[in-house]
Amino acid sequence: MKRMLTGLLAMAGLLVFAAPALAADTATVRSTLTENATVTRTVTGAYVSVGGVVATVTGQSYQATGVPLGSQPLVVTAPGHVKVEKTVELVAGDNVVDVVLDVKLKTMYMRYYRAYSQGQNSTAWRMMHPDVLDHLVVDGRRFTFERYARFIKSWATRWISCRYLGIEETHRVWKTAAGSGLQTRYSNVKCVEYLHRLVYCGQSLRERGNCHWLKESGRWYLIFDNPCLAL
């Protein structure tokens, strides 16, 4: 019995010393999930995996424990966002790895639609490309936020309809703008066609049109919106 007790005590001692050693051979990875966008929202429904270990996600924060050390794959997915896949270098103990997610084009368009349809003009204005804001001229005058807010209130046009400005004219404005340089990136312009049903001024209307977006540094910017409303 005495010999057995001695053996058990020895094993307990080994476990006490082994626990810190095991902990020293793994990493904890944590930080926050944020968006790379002109207008940001809270990232929800995210899935995070580091070194094959699925992280616990609480709000915009995530944490994975017991992750192997060294070069490990980090995978992050979230609805409406571009999948993140990269390799991170981990050391024993605590590792802070920030994750910034690019927003998909459809998600940005829906944010723009909700903003202008709910009268959040300043939010919609922020989604436009800086060069458009700097150089856009309508009827011989710069297209300011104040003019945009007046256009957005009109049931006949939700921003600049074809009777005011066409996409070709927008391109011409850019081409003649000193230093804008956007003409070299036309191949990156994406078009979104849409059809909505909504109620406006007590009438049921159908809104259709298309808008053009340009992606730069992972962010989608609105460069032109051509909606029309029909009964």
Protein backbone atom coordinates (compact mmCIF):
# COMPACT_ATOMS: atom_id res chain seq x y z
CA MET A 1 0.00 0.00 0.00
CA LYS A 2 2.82 2.37 0.90
CA ARG A 3 4.51 1.65 -2.41
CA MET A 4 1.22 2.36 -4.27
CA LEU A 5 0.71 5.69 -2.48
CA THR A 6 4.25 6.70 -3.38
CA GLY A 7 3.58 5.91 -7.05
CA LEU A 8 0.35 7.92 -7.08
CA LEU A 9 2.04 10.93 -5.51
CA ALA A 10 4.81 10.75 -8.11
CA MET A 11 2.26 10.65 -10.95
CA ALA A 12 0.40 13.63 -9.48
CA GLY A 13 3.64 15.55 -9.35
CA LEU A 14 4.34 14.75 -12.97
CA LEU A 15 0.88 16.00 -14.00
CA VAL A 16 1.38 19.26 -12.09
CA PHE A 17 4.65 19.91 -13.89
CA ALA A 18 3.34 18.68 -17.25
CA ALA A 19 0.34 21.04 -17.36
CA PRO A 20 2.42 24.21 -17.72
CA ALA A 21 4.64 22.44 -20.21
CA LEU A 22 1.65 21.49 -22.35
CA ALA A 23 0.30 25.04 -22.15
CA ALA A 24 3.68 26.38 -23.24
CA ASP A 25 3.47 24.25 -26.39
CA THR A 26 0.26 25.88 -27.62
CA ALA A 27 -1.01 29.36 -28.37
CA THR A 28 -4.09 31.41 -27.66
CA VAL A 29 -5.26 33.55 -30.58
CA ARG A 30 -7.71 36.39 -30.07
CA SER A 31 -8.78 39.79 -31.36
CA THR A 32 -11.64 41.51 -33.17
CA LEU A 33 -13.32 41.27 -36.58
CA THR A 34 -13.79 44.55 -38.41
CA GLU A 35 -14.80 45.67 -41.91
CA ASN A 36 -12.86 47.33 -44.69
CA ALA A 37 -15.64 49.54 -46.07
CA THR A 38 -16.67 53.17 -46.52
CA VAL A 39 -19.67 52.52 -44.30
CA THR A 40 -19.06 49.79 -41.73
CA ARG A 41 -21.40 47.54 -39.78
CA THR A 42 -20.91 45.00 -36.99
CA VAL A 43 -19.66 41.66 -38.32
CA THR A 44 -22.17 38.96 -37.39
CA GLY A 45 -22.41 35.21 -37.93
CA ALA A 46 -18.66 34.80 -38.35
CA TYR A 47 -16.79 31.50 -38.35
CA VAL A 48 -13.10 31.59 -37.35
CA SER A 49 -10.62 28.72 -37.48
CA VAL A 50 -6.93 28.95 -36.52
CA GLY A 51 -4.61 26.00 -37.03
CA GLY A 52 -7.62 23.71 -37.29
CA VAL A 53 -9.03 24.94 -33.97
CA VAL A 54 -12.49 26.51 -34.19
CA ALA A 55 -12.58 29.79 -32.29
CA THR A 56 -15.30 31.02 -29.98
CA VAL A 57 -16.87 34.15 -31.47
CA THR A 58 -18.62 36.61 -29.17
CA GLY A 59 -19.91 39.70 -30.91
CA GLN A 60 -17.00 40.95 -32.97
CA SER A 61 -14.39 39.27 -30.77
CA TYR A 62 -12.98 35.80 -31.24
CA GLN A 63 -10.65 33.53 -29.27
CA ALA A 64 -9.07 30.16 -30.03
CA THR A 65 -7.12 28.24 -27.41
CA GLY A 66 -4.79 25.27 -27.68
CA VAL A 67 -3.62 26.26 -31.16
CA PRO A 68 -0.35 24.70 -32.41
CA LEU A 69 2.67 27.01 -32.60
CA GLY A 70 4.45 28.24 -35.71
CA SER A 71 2.91 28.90 -39.13
CA GLN A 72 -0.80 28.15 -38.96
CA PRO A 73 -3.72 28.75 -41.36
CA LEU A 74 -6.33 31.33 -40.36
CA VAL A 75 -9.76 31.08 -42.02
CA VAL A 76 -12.59 33.57 -41.45
CA THR A 77 -16.00 33.58 -43.10
CA ALA A 78 -18.99 35.81 -42.46
CA PRO A 79 -22.22 36.41 -44.40
CA GLY A 80 -21.86 39.26 -46.91
CA HIS A 81 -18.06 39.32 -46.66
CA VAL A 82 -15.15 37.98 -48.68
CA LYS A 83 -13.54 34.88 -47.17
CA VAL A 84 -10.22 35.51 -45.41
CA GLU A 85 -7.49 32.87 -45.76
CA LYS A 86 -3.96 33.60 -44.61
CA THR A 87 -1.06 32.16 -42.65
CA VAL A 88 -0.17 33.54 -39.22
CA GLU A 89 2.95 33.01 -37.11
CA LEU A 90 2.08 31.99 -33.55
CA VAL A 91 4.20 31.91 -30.42
CA ALA A 92 3.50 30.29 -27.08
CA GLY A 93 0.96 32.18 -25.00
CA ASP A 94 -1.21 35.06 -26.12
CA ASN A 95 -1.36 36.14 -29.80
CA VAL A 96 -3.41 39.11 -31.00
CA VAL A 97 -4.36 38.71 -34.68
CA ASP A 98 -6.70 41.37 -36.05
CA VAL A 99 -8.92 40.38 -38.97
CA VAL A 100 -10.31 42.92 -41.44
CA LEU A 101 -12.94 41.63 -43.86
CA ASP A 102 -13.75 43.09 -47.27
CA VAL A 103 -17.47 43.58 -47.89
CA LYS A 104 -19.05 41.98 -50.96
CA LEU A 105 -20.52 44.19 -53.67
CA LYS A 106 -24.11 43.03 -53.15
CA THR A 107 -23.84 43.83 -49.44
CA MET A 108 -22.58 47.35 -50.14
CA TYR A 109 -25.33 47.94 -52.68
CA MET A 110 -28.00 46.91 -50.17
CA ARG A 111 -26.50 49.30 -47.62
CA TYR A 112 -26.67 52.10 -50.17
CA TYR A 113 -30.27 51.24 -51.09
CA ARG A 114 -31.39 51.14 -47.46
CA ALA A 115 -29.59 54.42 -46.72
CA TYR A 116 -31.11 56.52 -49.49
CA SER A 117 -34.56 54.90 -49.27
CA GLN A 118 -34.68 55.67 -45.53
CA GLY A 119 -33.47 59.25 -45.92
CA GLN A 120 -29.98 58.60 -44.52
CA ASN A 121 -28.42 60.86 -47.14
CA SER A 122 -25.06 61.41 -45.46
CA THR A 123 -24.54 57.64 -45.19
CA ALA A 124 -25.31 57.12 -48.88
CA TRP A 125 -23.05 60.06 -49.79
CA ARG A 126 -20.08 58.44 -48.00
CA MET A 127 -20.28 55.40 -50.30
CA MET A 128 -19.41 57.44 -53.40
CA HIS A 129 -15.91 57.48 -54.81
CA PRO A 130 -13.83 60.51 -53.70
CA ASP A 131 -13.01 61.44 -57.30
CA VAL A 132 -16.71 61.58 -58.13
CA LEU A 133 -17.30 63.86 -55.16
CA ASP A 134 -14.34 66.04 -56.14
CA HIS A 135 -14.94 66.31 -59.88
CA LEU A 136 -18.58 65.56 -60.69
CA VAL A 137 -20.25 68.49 -62.47
CA VAL A 138 -23.98 68.61 -63.27
CA ASP A 139 -25.52 71.51 -65.24
CA GLY A 140 -22.21 73.33 -65.04
CA ARG A 141 -22.04 73.20 -61.25
CA ARG A 142 -20.27 70.91 -58.82
CA PHE A 143 -22.55 68.20 -57.47
CA THR A 144 -22.51 68.93 -53.73
CA PHE A 145 -24.07 67.02 -50.85
CA GLU A 146 -26.81 69.63 -50.63
CA ARG A 147 -27.75 69.06 -54.27
CA TYR A 148 -27.59 65.31 -53.75
CA ALA A 149 -29.98 65.57 -50.79
CA ARG A 150 -32.46 67.52 -52.95
CA PHE A 151 -32.25 64.97 -55.77
CA ILE A 152 -32.72 62.05 -53.42
CA LYS A 153 -36.06 63.46 -52.19
CA SER A 154 -37.54 63.55 -55.67
CA TRP A 155 -39.83 60.65 -56.58
CA ALA A 156 -38.78 61.04 -60.22
CA THR A 157 -35.10 60.42 -59.65
CA ARG A 158 -33.22 58.82 -56.78
CA TRP A 159 -29.96 60.52 -57.62
CA ILE A 160 -28.79 61.42 -61.10
CA SER A 161 -31.08 60.02 -63.77
CA CYS A 162 -30.19 59.84 -67.44
CA ARG A 163 -31.73 63.25 -68.09
CA TYR A 164 -29.02 64.81 -65.92
CA LEU A 165 -25.96 62.69 -66.49
CA GLY A 166 -25.01 59.49 -68.33
CA ILE A 167 -22.26 57.06 -67.39
CA GLU A 168 -20.22 58.20 -70.40
CA GLU A 169 -20.33 61.78 -69.13
CA THR A 170 -19.14 60.60 -65.73
CA HIS A 171 -16.18 58.93 -67.40
CA ARG A 172 -15.46 62.06 -69.39
CA VAL A 173 -15.41 64.11 -66.20
CA TRP A 174 -12.86 61.71 -64.76
CA LYS A 175 -10.70 61.69 -67.87
CA THR A 176 -10.47 65.47 -67.91
CA ALA A 177 -9.90 65.74 -64.15
CA ALA A 178 -6.27 66.45 -63.39
CA GLY A 179 -4.66 63.59 -61.54
CA SER A 180 -7.80 61.48 -61.16
CA GLY A 181 -6.24 58.53 -63.03
CA LEU A 182 -9.42 56.47 -62.85
CA GLN A 183 -9.53 55.90 -66.60
CA THR A 184 -6.88 53.19 -66.20
CA ARG A 185 -9.19 51.21 -63.89
CA TYR A 186 -12.41 51.05 -65.91
CA SER A 187 -12.00 47.29 -66.21
CA ASN A 188 -12.66 47.04 -62.47
CA VAL A 189 -16.07 48.74 -62.70
CA LYS A 190 -18.94 46.39 -61.84
CA CYS A 191 -22.58 46.97 -62.70
CA VAL A 192 -25.46 45.97 -60.41
CA GLU A 193 -28.92 45.76 -61.95
CA TYR A 194 -31.85 45.88 -59.58
CA LEU A 195 -35.63 45.78 -59.38
CA HIS A 196 -37.47 46.75 -56.20
CA ARG A 197 -41.08 47.12 -55.20
CA LEU A 198 -41.79 49.87 -52.72
CA VAL A 199 -44.50 52.20 -51.52
CA TYR A 200 -43.93 55.90 -52.10
CA CYS A 201 -46.37 58.76 -51.48
CA GLY A 202 -49.19 56.28 -51.02
CA GLN A 203 -48.59 54.66 -54.41
CA SER A 204 -47.15 51.27 -55.18
CA LEU A 205 -44.11 51.82 -57.37
CA ARG A 206 -41.59 49.61 -59.03
CA GLU A 207 -38.02 50.88 -59.09
CA ARG A 208 -35.55 49.50 -61.57
CA GLY A 209 -32.16 50.60 -62.77
CA ASN A 210 -28.47 49.94 -62.48
CA CYS A 211 -25.57 51.30 -60.53
CA HIS A 212 -21.84 51.11 -61.16
CA TRP A 213 -19.22 50.42 -58.52
CA LEU A 214 -15.44 50.53 -58.46
CA LYS A 215 -13.31 48.44 -56.07
CA GLU A 216 -10.13 49.98 -54.69
CA SER A 217 -8.00 48.61 -51.84
CA GLY A 218 -10.72 46.09 -51.08
CA ARG A 219 -13.46 48.74 -50.79
CA TRP A 220 -16.44 49.18 -53.11
CA TYR A 221 -17.25 52.78 -54.09
CA LEU A 222 -20.37 53.93 -55.92
CA ILE A 223 -19.54 55.88 -59.08
CA PHE A 224 -22.92 56.13 -60.81
CA ASP A 225 -26.58 55.32 -60.09
CA ASN A 226 -29.22 55.36 -62.81
CA PRO A 227 -32.63 54.54 -61.34
CA CYS A 228 -36.05 55.18 -62.81
CA LEU A 229 -39.45 54.84 -61.15
CA ALA A 230 -42.51 53.56 -63.00
CA LEU A 231 -46.09 53.06 -61.83
